[in-house]
Protein backbone atom coordinates (compact mmCIF):
# COMPACT_ATOMS: atom_id res chain seq x y z
CA MET A 1 -11.62 -64.52 -4.20
CA SER A 2 -12.54 -61.22 -5.70
CA LYS A 3 -12.69 -60.90 -9.39
CA ILE A 4 -9.74 -59.28 -11.07
CA GLN A 5 -11.12 -56.53 -13.30
CA ASN A 6 -9.77 -55.84 -16.71
CA PRO A 7 -8.30 -52.32 -16.42
CA LYS A 8 -9.60 -51.57 -19.91
CA SER A 9 -13.21 -52.14 -18.79
CA LYS A 10 -13.32 -48.80 -16.96
CA MET A 11 -11.82 -46.84 -19.81
CA GLN A 12 -14.07 -44.82 -22.07
CA ASN A 13 -13.91 -45.45 -25.77
CA PRO A 14 -11.24 -42.89 -26.84
CA LYS A 15 -13.11 -42.27 -30.07
CA SER A 16 -16.39 -41.42 -28.30
CA LYS A 17 -14.53 -39.15 -25.89
CA ILE A 18 -13.00 -37.19 -28.75
CA GLN A 19 -16.41 -36.86 -30.37
CA ASN A 20 -17.70 -35.21 -27.20
CA LEU A 21 -14.95 -32.61 -27.20
CA LYS A 22 -14.14 -29.86 -29.62
CA MET A 23 -10.97 -30.64 -31.47
CA PHE A 24 -10.04 -26.97 -31.92
CA HIS A 25 -10.79 -23.83 -29.94
CA ILE A 26 -13.34 -22.38 -32.34
CA ALA A 27 -17.05 -21.67 -32.32
CA THR A 28 -19.27 -23.50 -34.78
CA ALA A 29 -21.44 -21.69 -37.30
CA GLU A 30 -24.49 -22.88 -35.37
CA GLU A 31 -23.18 -21.44 -32.10
CA ILE A 32 -22.65 -18.08 -33.79
CA ARG A 33 -26.14 -18.20 -35.33
CA GLU A 34 -27.61 -19.03 -31.91
CA GLY A 35 -26.03 -15.92 -30.38
CA GLU A 36 -23.72 -17.88 -28.07
CA VAL A 37 -20.63 -15.97 -29.21
CA THR A 38 -21.64 -12.73 -27.55
CA ASP A 39 -20.61 -10.48 -24.69
CA VAL A 40 -22.46 -11.36 -21.52
CA TYR A 41 -24.01 -7.92 -21.08
CA PHE A 42 -26.05 -8.42 -24.25
CA GLN A 43 -27.45 -11.65 -22.81
CA ARG A 44 -28.33 -9.82 -19.60
CA THR A 45 -29.88 -6.90 -21.48
CA LYS A 46 -32.02 -9.28 -23.51
CA GLU A 47 -33.17 -11.08 -20.33
CA ILE A 48 -34.06 -7.80 -18.59
CA LEU A 49 -35.96 -6.38 -21.59
CA GLU A 50 -37.92 -9.60 -22.05
CA LYS A 51 -38.89 -9.82 -18.37
CA GLU A 52 -39.83 -6.14 -18.30
CA LYS A 53 -41.85 -6.76 -21.49
CA ILE A 54 -40.04 -3.94 -23.27
CA ARG A 55 -39.99 -4.37 -27.03
CA LYS A 56 -38.83 -1.33 -28.92
CA GLN A 57 -38.04 -0.81 -32.57
CA VAL A 58 -34.57 0.66 -32.96
CA LYS A 59 -32.20 1.70 -35.69
CA ALA A 60 -28.47 1.13 -35.15
CA GLU A 61 -25.55 2.11 -37.36
CA PHE A 62 -22.00 0.81 -37.76
CA CYS A 63 -19.20 3.39 -38.07
CA VAL A 64 -15.46 3.69 -37.62
CA LYS A 65 -14.80 6.68 -35.38
CA LYS A 66 -11.04 6.61 -35.81
CA PHE A 67 -8.79 4.78 -38.25
CA PRO A 68 -5.40 3.30 -37.37
CA GLU A 69 -2.50 5.75 -37.44
CA ARG A 70 -1.73 7.05 -40.95
CA TYR A 71 -4.97 5.61 -42.39
CA SER A 72 -7.56 7.96 -43.87
CA TRP A 73 -9.89 5.36 -45.42
CA GLY A 74 -10.94 1.74 -45.15
CA VAL A 75 -12.25 -1.05 -47.38
CA LEU A 76 -15.53 -2.55 -46.22
CA ALA A 77 -15.46 -6.35 -45.92
CA GLY A 78 -17.41 -8.99 -44.01
CA ILE A 79 -20.83 -8.11 -45.46
CA GLU A 80 -21.45 -11.59 -46.86
CA GLU A 81 -21.05 -13.12 -43.40
CA VAL A 82 -23.34 -10.45 -41.94
CA ALA A 83 -25.97 -11.39 -44.51
CA LYS A 84 -25.66 -15.09 -43.70
CA LEU A 85 -25.99 -14.42 -39.97
CA LEU A 86 -29.07 -12.19 -40.20
CA GLU A 87 -30.86 -13.85 -43.11
CA GLY A 88 -34.05 -15.49 -41.87
CA LYS A 89 -34.39 -13.24 -38.81
CA THR A 90 -37.98 -12.04 -39.16
CA GLY A 91 -38.51 -8.31 -38.66
CA ILE A 92 -34.89 -7.37 -39.34
CA ASN A 93 -33.98 -4.84 -42.05
CA VAL A 94 -30.41 -4.06 -43.10
CA ASP A 95 -29.05 -1.34 -45.37
CA CYS A 96 -25.35 -1.22 -46.16
CA PHE A 97 -22.64 -0.19 -48.59
CA TRP A 98 -21.62 -2.73 -51.22
CA GLU A 99 -18.84 -4.94 -49.93
CA GLY A 100 -15.54 -3.51 -51.19
CA THR A 101 -16.64 0.12 -50.91
CA ILE A 102 -13.88 2.45 -49.76
CA PHE A 103 -15.25 4.56 -46.91
CA GLY A 104 -14.19 7.30 -44.53
CA GLN A 105 -14.30 8.08 -40.83
CA ASN A 106 -17.72 8.38 -39.14
CA GLN A 107 -19.58 7.15 -42.23
CA PRO A 108 -22.34 4.67 -41.29
CA VAL A 109 -21.50 1.75 -43.59
CA MET A 110 -24.34 -0.43 -42.32
CA VAL A 111 -27.66 0.20 -40.58
CA ILE A 112 -29.82 -2.41 -38.84
CA GLU A 113 -33.46 -1.82 -37.98
CA GLY A 114 -35.65 -4.09 -35.89
CA GLU A 115 -36.88 -4.94 -32.43
CA TYR A 116 -33.75 -4.71 -30.30
CA THR A 117 -34.02 -8.09 -28.53
CA GLU A 118 -34.14 -9.77 -31.95
CA PHE A 119 -30.68 -8.62 -33.02
CA GLY A 120 -28.83 -6.97 -30.12
CA ILE A 121 -27.26 -10.24 -29.04
CA TYR A 122 -25.48 -10.45 -32.42
CA GLU A 123 -23.57 -7.18 -31.97
CA THR A 124 -20.39 -9.01 -30.93
CA ALA A 125 -20.41 -11.29 -33.98
CA LEU A 126 -21.38 -8.55 -36.41
CA LEU A 127 -18.58 -6.29 -35.22
CA GLY A 128 -16.16 -9.22 -35.39
CA PHE A 129 -17.09 -9.88 -39.02
CA LEU A 130 -16.66 -6.25 -40.05
CA CYS A 131 -13.69 -5.22 -37.92
CA GLN A 132 -11.28 -7.99 -38.84
CA ALA A 133 -12.23 -8.58 -42.47
CA SER A 134 -12.21 -4.84 -43.20
CA GLY A 135 -8.85 -4.42 -41.47
CA ILE A 136 -7.28 -7.14 -43.63
CA ALA A 137 -8.90 -5.90 -46.85
CA THR A 138 -7.75 -2.35 -46.11
CA LYS A 139 -4.14 -3.40 -45.52
CA ALA A 140 -4.18 -5.45 -48.72
CA ALA A 141 -5.55 -2.46 -50.63
CA ARG A 142 -2.85 -0.19 -49.23
CA CYS A 143 -0.18 -2.69 -50.29
CA LYS A 144 -1.74 -3.12 -53.74
CA LYS A 145 -2.00 0.61 -54.30
CA THR A 146 1.69 0.95 -53.42
CA ALA A 147 2.72 -2.06 -55.54
CA GLY A 148 0.79 -0.89 -58.59
CA GLU A 149 0.97 -3.42 -61.44
CA ARG A 150 3.47 -5.60 -59.58
CA ILE A 151 2.34 -9.01 -58.32
CA LEU A 152 1.00 -9.12 -54.77
CA ILE A 153 0.44 -12.49 -53.07
CA SER A 154 -1.03 -13.15 -49.63
CA PHE A 155 1.50 -15.30 -47.74
CA GLY A 156 0.37 -14.78 -44.15
CA VAL A 157 -2.13 -17.43 -43.05
CA ARG A 158 0.60 -19.50 -41.39
CA ARG A 159 0.73 -16.75 -38.77
CA MET A 160 -2.96 -17.08 -37.88
CA HIS A 161 -5.39 -19.72 -36.60
CA PRO A 162 -6.05 -22.12 -39.51
CA ALA A 163 -9.81 -22.14 -38.90
CA ILE A 164 -10.04 -18.53 -40.13
CA ALA A 165 -7.53 -18.87 -42.98
CA PRO A 166 -10.26 -18.70 -45.68
CA MET A 167 -11.70 -15.50 -44.18
CA ILE A 168 -8.24 -13.92 -44.02
CA GLU A 169 -7.33 -14.74 -47.59
CA ARG A 170 -10.76 -13.84 -48.96
CA SER A 171 -10.36 -10.42 -47.34
CA ALA A 172 -6.80 -10.13 -48.68
CA PHE A 173 -7.95 -11.08 -52.17
CA ILE A 174 -10.91 -8.71 -52.37
CA GLY A 175 -8.66 -5.98 -50.98
CA GLY A 176 -6.39 -6.30 -54.00
CA CYS A 177 -4.02 -9.27 -53.65
CA ASP A 178 -3.51 -11.00 -56.99
CA GLY A 179 -3.41 -14.40 -55.36
CA VAL A 180 -3.30 -16.35 -52.11
CA ALA A 181 -1.00 -19.16 -50.99
CA GLY A 182 -3.53 -21.16 -48.96
CA VAL A 183 -4.88 -24.20 -50.81
CA LYS A 184 -8.33 -24.28 -49.17
CA SER A 185 -8.68 -20.51 -49.40
CA ALA A 186 -7.94 -20.56 -53.12
CA GLU A 187 -10.42 -23.40 -53.65
CA ILE A 188 -13.18 -21.41 -51.94
CA LEU A 189 -12.28 -18.31 -53.97
CA GLY A 190 -12.32 -20.30 -57.20
CA ILE A 191 -8.72 -19.44 -58.09
CA GLU A 192 -5.43 -21.30 -58.31
CA PRO A 193 -3.19 -20.97 -55.22
CA MET A 194 0.01 -19.00 -55.81
CA GLY A 195 3.43 -19.66 -54.33
CA THR A 196 7.01 -20.58 -55.09
CA MET A 197 9.04 -23.15 -53.14
CA PRO A 198 9.97 -23.33 -49.44
CA HIS A 199 13.42 -23.35 -47.93
CA ALA A 200 12.62 -26.92 -46.85
CA LEU A 201 12.80 -28.13 -50.46
CA VAL A 202 16.20 -26.52 -51.02
CA LEU A 203 17.50 -27.85 -47.70
CA LEU A 204 16.27 -31.39 -48.33
CA LEU A 205 17.71 -31.53 -51.86
CA GLY A 206 20.88 -29.82 -50.70
CA ASP A 207 21.17 -27.23 -53.47
CA VAL A 208 19.02 -24.53 -55.06
CA VAL A 209 19.76 -25.72 -58.61
CA LYS A 210 18.72 -29.29 -57.76
CA ALA A 211 15.53 -27.96 -56.13
CA ALA A 212 14.74 -25.82 -59.17
CA GLN A 213 15.40 -28.71 -61.56
CA SER A 214 13.18 -31.07 -59.57
CA PHE A 215 10.44 -28.46 -59.37
CA HIS A 216 10.66 -27.93 -63.13
CA LYS A 217 10.64 -31.68 -63.85
CA ILE A 218 7.73 -32.60 -61.61
CA MET A 219 5.37 -29.63 -61.30
CA ASP A 220 2.64 -28.90 -63.86
CA LYS A 221 3.86 -26.61 -66.64
CA LYS A 222 1.17 -24.03 -65.83
CA ILE A 223 2.89 -23.32 -62.49
CA LYS A 224 5.44 -20.53 -62.77
CA ARG A 225 9.01 -21.55 -62.00
CA ILE A 226 10.22 -19.24 -59.24
CA ALA A 227 13.41 -20.28 -57.44
CA LEU A 228 14.13 -19.37 -53.82
CA ILE A 229 17.74 -18.15 -53.91
CA ASP A 230 18.71 -17.22 -50.35
CA THR A 231 19.04 -20.57 -48.56
CA PHE A 232 22.79 -21.27 -48.63
CA SER A 233 24.81 -18.67 -50.51
CA ASP A 234 24.95 -15.14 -51.83
CA GLU A 235 21.71 -14.29 -53.63
CA LYS A 236 23.23 -12.96 -56.84
CA PHE A 237 25.41 -16.03 -57.42
CA GLU A 238 22.52 -18.39 -56.69
CA ALA A 239 20.34 -16.40 -59.10
CA ILE A 240 22.96 -16.72 -61.84
CA ARG A 241 23.34 -20.48 -61.27
CA VAL A 242 19.60 -21.15 -61.48
CA ALA A 243 19.12 -18.85 -64.47
CA GLU A 244 21.92 -20.51 -66.42
CA VAL A 245 20.38 -23.96 -65.85
CA LEU A 246 16.67 -23.23 -66.39
CA GLY A 247 17.07 -20.39 -68.88
CA LYS A 248 13.78 -19.18 -70.35
CA ASP A 249 11.82 -21.66 -68.23
CA LEU A 250 12.69 -19.66 -65.12
CA TYR A 251 9.95 -17.10 -64.47
CA GLY A 252 11.56 -15.48 -61.45
CA VAL A 253 13.69 -15.65 -58.34
CA ARG A 254 12.48 -15.00 -54.80
CA LEU A 255 14.44 -13.48 -51.95
CA ASP A 256 13.17 -14.14 -48.44
CA THR A 257 16.47 -13.06 -46.91
CA PRO A 258 16.32 -12.90 -43.09
CA ALA A 259 16.78 -9.51 -41.46
CA SER A 260 20.08 -10.60 -39.89
CA ARG A 261 21.56 -11.09 -43.39
CA ARG A 262 19.88 -8.28 -45.29
CA GLY A 263 22.02 -5.25 -44.60
CA ASP A 264 21.20 -2.98 -47.53
CA PHE A 265 18.37 -5.07 -48.98
CA LEU A 266 17.73 -2.71 -51.86
CA GLY A 267 21.43 -2.91 -52.69
CA ILE A 268 21.27 -6.74 -52.73
CA LEU A 269 18.29 -6.63 -55.08
CA LYS A 270 20.07 -4.21 -57.39
CA GLU A 271 23.07 -6.55 -57.53
CA VAL A 272 20.81 -9.49 -58.46
CA ARG A 273 19.10 -7.45 -61.17
CA TRP A 274 22.42 -6.22 -62.55
CA GLU A 275 23.98 -9.67 -62.75
CA LEU A 276 20.91 -11.23 -64.38
CA ASP A 277 20.58 -8.41 -66.92
CA LEU A 278 24.27 -8.55 -67.74
CA ARG A 279 23.92 -12.20 -68.75
CA GLY A 280 20.81 -11.67 -70.86
CA PHE A 281 18.21 -12.70 -68.27
CA LYS A 282 16.28 -9.43 -68.30
CA ASP A 283 12.91 -11.18 -68.32
CA ILE A 284 13.47 -13.03 -65.05
CA LYS A 285 11.34 -11.43 -62.33
CA ILE A 286 12.49 -10.55 -58.83
CA ILE A 287 10.00 -11.40 -56.07
CA VAL A 288 10.60 -10.57 -52.41
CA SER A 289 8.95 -11.67 -49.18
CA GLY A 290 9.57 -11.56 -45.45
CA GLY A 291 8.57 -8.56 -43.34
CA ILE A 292 7.04 -6.73 -46.30
CA ASN A 293 4.48 -3.94 -45.83
CA GLU A 294 3.47 -0.88 -47.84
CA GLU A 295 6.51 1.09 -46.68
CA GLU A 296 8.86 -1.72 -47.78
CA ILE A 297 7.04 -2.01 -51.09
CA LEU A 298 7.47 1.70 -51.76
CA ALA A 299 11.19 1.45 -50.99
CA LEU A 300 11.74 -1.60 -53.24
CA ASN A 301 9.48 -0.85 -56.21
CA SER A 302 12.37 0.38 -58.38
CA VAL A 303 13.79 -3.16 -58.53
CA CYS A 304 11.03 -5.61 -57.59
CA ASP A 305 8.43 -7.24 -59.83
CA GLY A 306 6.32 -8.74 -57.08
CA TYR A 307 5.79 -9.24 -53.37
CA GLY A 308 4.69 -11.98 -51.02
CA VAL A 309 3.17 -10.17 -48.06
CA GLY A 310 2.56 -12.19 -44.93
CA THR A 311 1.95 -10.98 -41.39
CA ALA A 312 1.38 -7.35 -42.38
CA ILE A 313 -1.85 -8.40 -44.11
CA SER A 314 -2.97 -11.48 -42.16
CA ASN A 315 -2.44 -9.76 -38.82
CA ALA A 316 -3.57 -6.35 -40.01
CA GLN A 317 -4.88 -3.95 -37.41
CA VAL A 318 -8.66 -4.22 -37.18
CA LEU A 319 -10.86 -1.30 -38.14
CA ASP A 320 -12.53 -0.20 -34.93
CA PHE A 321 -16.22 -0.32 -35.83
CA ALA A 322 -18.88 0.36 -33.23
CA MET A 323 -22.61 -0.31 -33.34
CA ASP A 324 -24.66 2.55 -31.92
CA ILE A 325 -28.40 3.09 -31.62
CA VAL A 326 -29.43 6.31 -33.38
CA GLU A 327 -33.22 5.98 -33.36
CA ILE A 328 -35.82 4.42 -31.02
CA GLU A 329 -39.44 4.00 -32.05
CA GLY A 330 -38.85 6.34 -34.98
CA LYS A 331 -37.44 9.16 -32.84
CA PRO A 332 -33.80 10.32 -33.09
CA LEU A 333 -31.82 9.30 -29.99
CA ALA A 334 -28.12 8.52 -29.52
CA LYS A 335 -25.51 8.43 -26.79
CA ARG A 336 -23.05 11.25 -26.22
CA GLY A 337 -20.58 11.75 -29.04
CA LYS A 338 -22.94 10.36 -31.72
CA PHE A 339 -25.16 12.11 -34.25
CA SER A 340 -28.71 10.82 -33.75
CA GLY A 341 -31.21 9.97 -36.44
CA ALA A 342 -31.31 8.01 -39.68
CA LYS A 343 -28.83 9.15 -42.33
CA LYS A 344 -27.83 8.93 -45.96
CA VAL A 345 -24.23 8.68 -47.10
CA LEU A 346 -24.02 10.47 -50.44
CA ARG A 347 -21.04 10.08 -52.76
CA CYS A 348 -20.21 11.93 -55.98
CA PRO A 349 -19.72 9.30 -58.71
CA LYS A 350 -17.08 11.47 -60.38
CA CYS A 351 -14.72 12.67 -57.63
CA PHE A 352 -15.97 10.48 -54.73
CA TYR A 353 -16.62 13.49 -52.50
CA THR A 354 -18.82 12.08 -49.72
CA GLU A 355 -21.31 13.78 -47.42
CA ILE A 356 -23.42 12.44 -44.54
CA VAL A 357 -26.89 13.98 -44.36
CA PRO A 358 -30.18 13.31 -42.52
CA ALA A 359 -32.24 10.62 -44.27
CA SER A 360 -34.96 13.20 -45.02
CA ILE A 361 -32.63 15.20 -47.31
CA GLU A 362 -33.14 14.68 -51.01
CA ASN A 363 -30.10 13.48 -52.88
CA LEU A 364 -27.66 16.30 -53.62
CA SER A 365 -25.48 17.03 -56.64
CA HIS A 366 -21.72 17.49 -56.93
CA CYS A 367 -19.46 18.00 -59.98
CA GLY A 368 -22.66 18.33 -61.98
CA LYS A 369 -23.60 14.75 -61.06
CA LYS A 370 -26.35 13.43 -58.81
CA MET A 371 -24.80 12.01 -55.65
CA GLU A 372 -25.52 8.36 -54.87
CA ASN A 373 -26.72 7.09 -51.50
CA LEU A 374 -24.25 4.31 -50.62
CA LEU A 375 -26.64 2.72 -48.12
CA LYS A 376 -28.56 0.14 -50.16
CA PRO A 377 -31.12 -2.45 -48.99
CA LEU A 378 -29.55 -5.82 -48.13
CA ILE A 379 -32.20 -7.52 -45.96
CA ARG A 380 -35.90 -6.81 -45.63
CA ASP A 381 -37.90 -8.65 -42.96
CA GLY A 382 -35.15 -11.25 -42.78
CA LYS A 383 -35.03 -11.85 -46.53
CA LEU A 384 -31.96 -11.16 -48.66
CA VAL A 385 -33.04 -8.64 -51.31
CA ARG A 386 -29.88 -8.28 -53.39
CA ASN A 387 -27.34 -10.64 -54.89
CA LEU A 388 -24.03 -11.00 -53.08
CA PRO A 389 -21.16 -10.32 -55.49
CA LYS A 390 -18.44 -12.88 -56.09
CA PRO A 391 -14.96 -12.20 -54.63
CA GLN A 392 -13.53 -11.35 -58.08
CA GLU A 393 -16.26 -8.74 -58.60
CA ILE A 394 -15.58 -7.21 -55.19
CA ARG A 395 -11.84 -7.11 -55.90
CA ASN A 396 -12.42 -5.35 -59.23
CA TYR A 397 -14.67 -2.85 -57.47
CA VAL A 398 -11.97 -2.10 -54.88
CA LEU A 399 -9.32 -1.62 -57.56
CA SER A 400 -11.62 0.69 -59.53
CA GLN A 401 -11.80 3.05 -56.53
CA LEU A 402 -8.15 3.05 -55.44
CA ASP A 403 -6.93 5.80 -57.75
CA LYS A 404 -9.26 8.23 -55.97
CA TYR A 405 -7.48 7.76 -52.63
CA LEU A 406 -4.03 8.50 -51.27
CA ILE A 407 -2.03 6.25 -48.93
């Protein structure tokens, strides 16, 4: 008789199988550092140059040729990740603007110098860092400039892959958002997460007043009491009910009214404000979310005290950076449509007038002030030569520049 095999004997240990597979569709930091997240033609170029024994020193710059429609400026972000990728790469020099600098079209915001095969394979990753982070930071800055002193919270990471949530909300924060909703993102930023309550809480408790009372009873007192008032009934009546129960403990009400029920949204908000004011609740804030962008903010500013902006920021259009060689072996050389040679980007510290000039030009003056070269050393021979600012410092820097620029 043949032996009867235990069917389990042929099965792999499920745990060991999982360990051999990636749980999520993301690249590891090590894979990025090893140049595996690259376009194949850079791999092939590297192989050809190495076999042909061609090693040439080049200088390459990163510019945005054209901004998204209606944009005339961008906020530079992603520099910290660039520094972490290139740090330790012997022979590599990097000059760049400070992260958070507002820049214009065709301005080289970063320049890399080194033997091409040592860094060319990282072009894909470097562009990815700059393009997406800068796009998000720029959208956040546009929303913050439009919102002014009103609260602006990043609500959008639920629309994006969770693995990049911290990058998204860091970019949103340094671009001008006052807070972020993501717990891990806030922890990394060193701030408290900001948010109100979800529709789920109101639905599960069956009533907005019950949800607000439970929130008030259980949550730490330092958390602002903001009631979501559009789950079941008319917003103004729900606002009145919650205000009359919580009184001065109620910081604000939030409307996330779906588009199918909005109609004249500004009119709804005015009704809520009127009814609250009429009953002595003038200090209760009105916060709105759901499909908010800078255009919506501008339209609602007369009534709103704050905004939760989601997809408009988290899925912001990338800024279309390109990396182009402008110098080989110390000689100016560039492809068609590019200005060859090393450059300075000079900015007037008073009016922010900016001019791109050949690197050989001495610094110019404007408004009676000496213009500053925005390209500063970041890496020399693979070593980081300046401190990387904290997110709060970068955010303050962005906000300090915003009044010089128009939407």
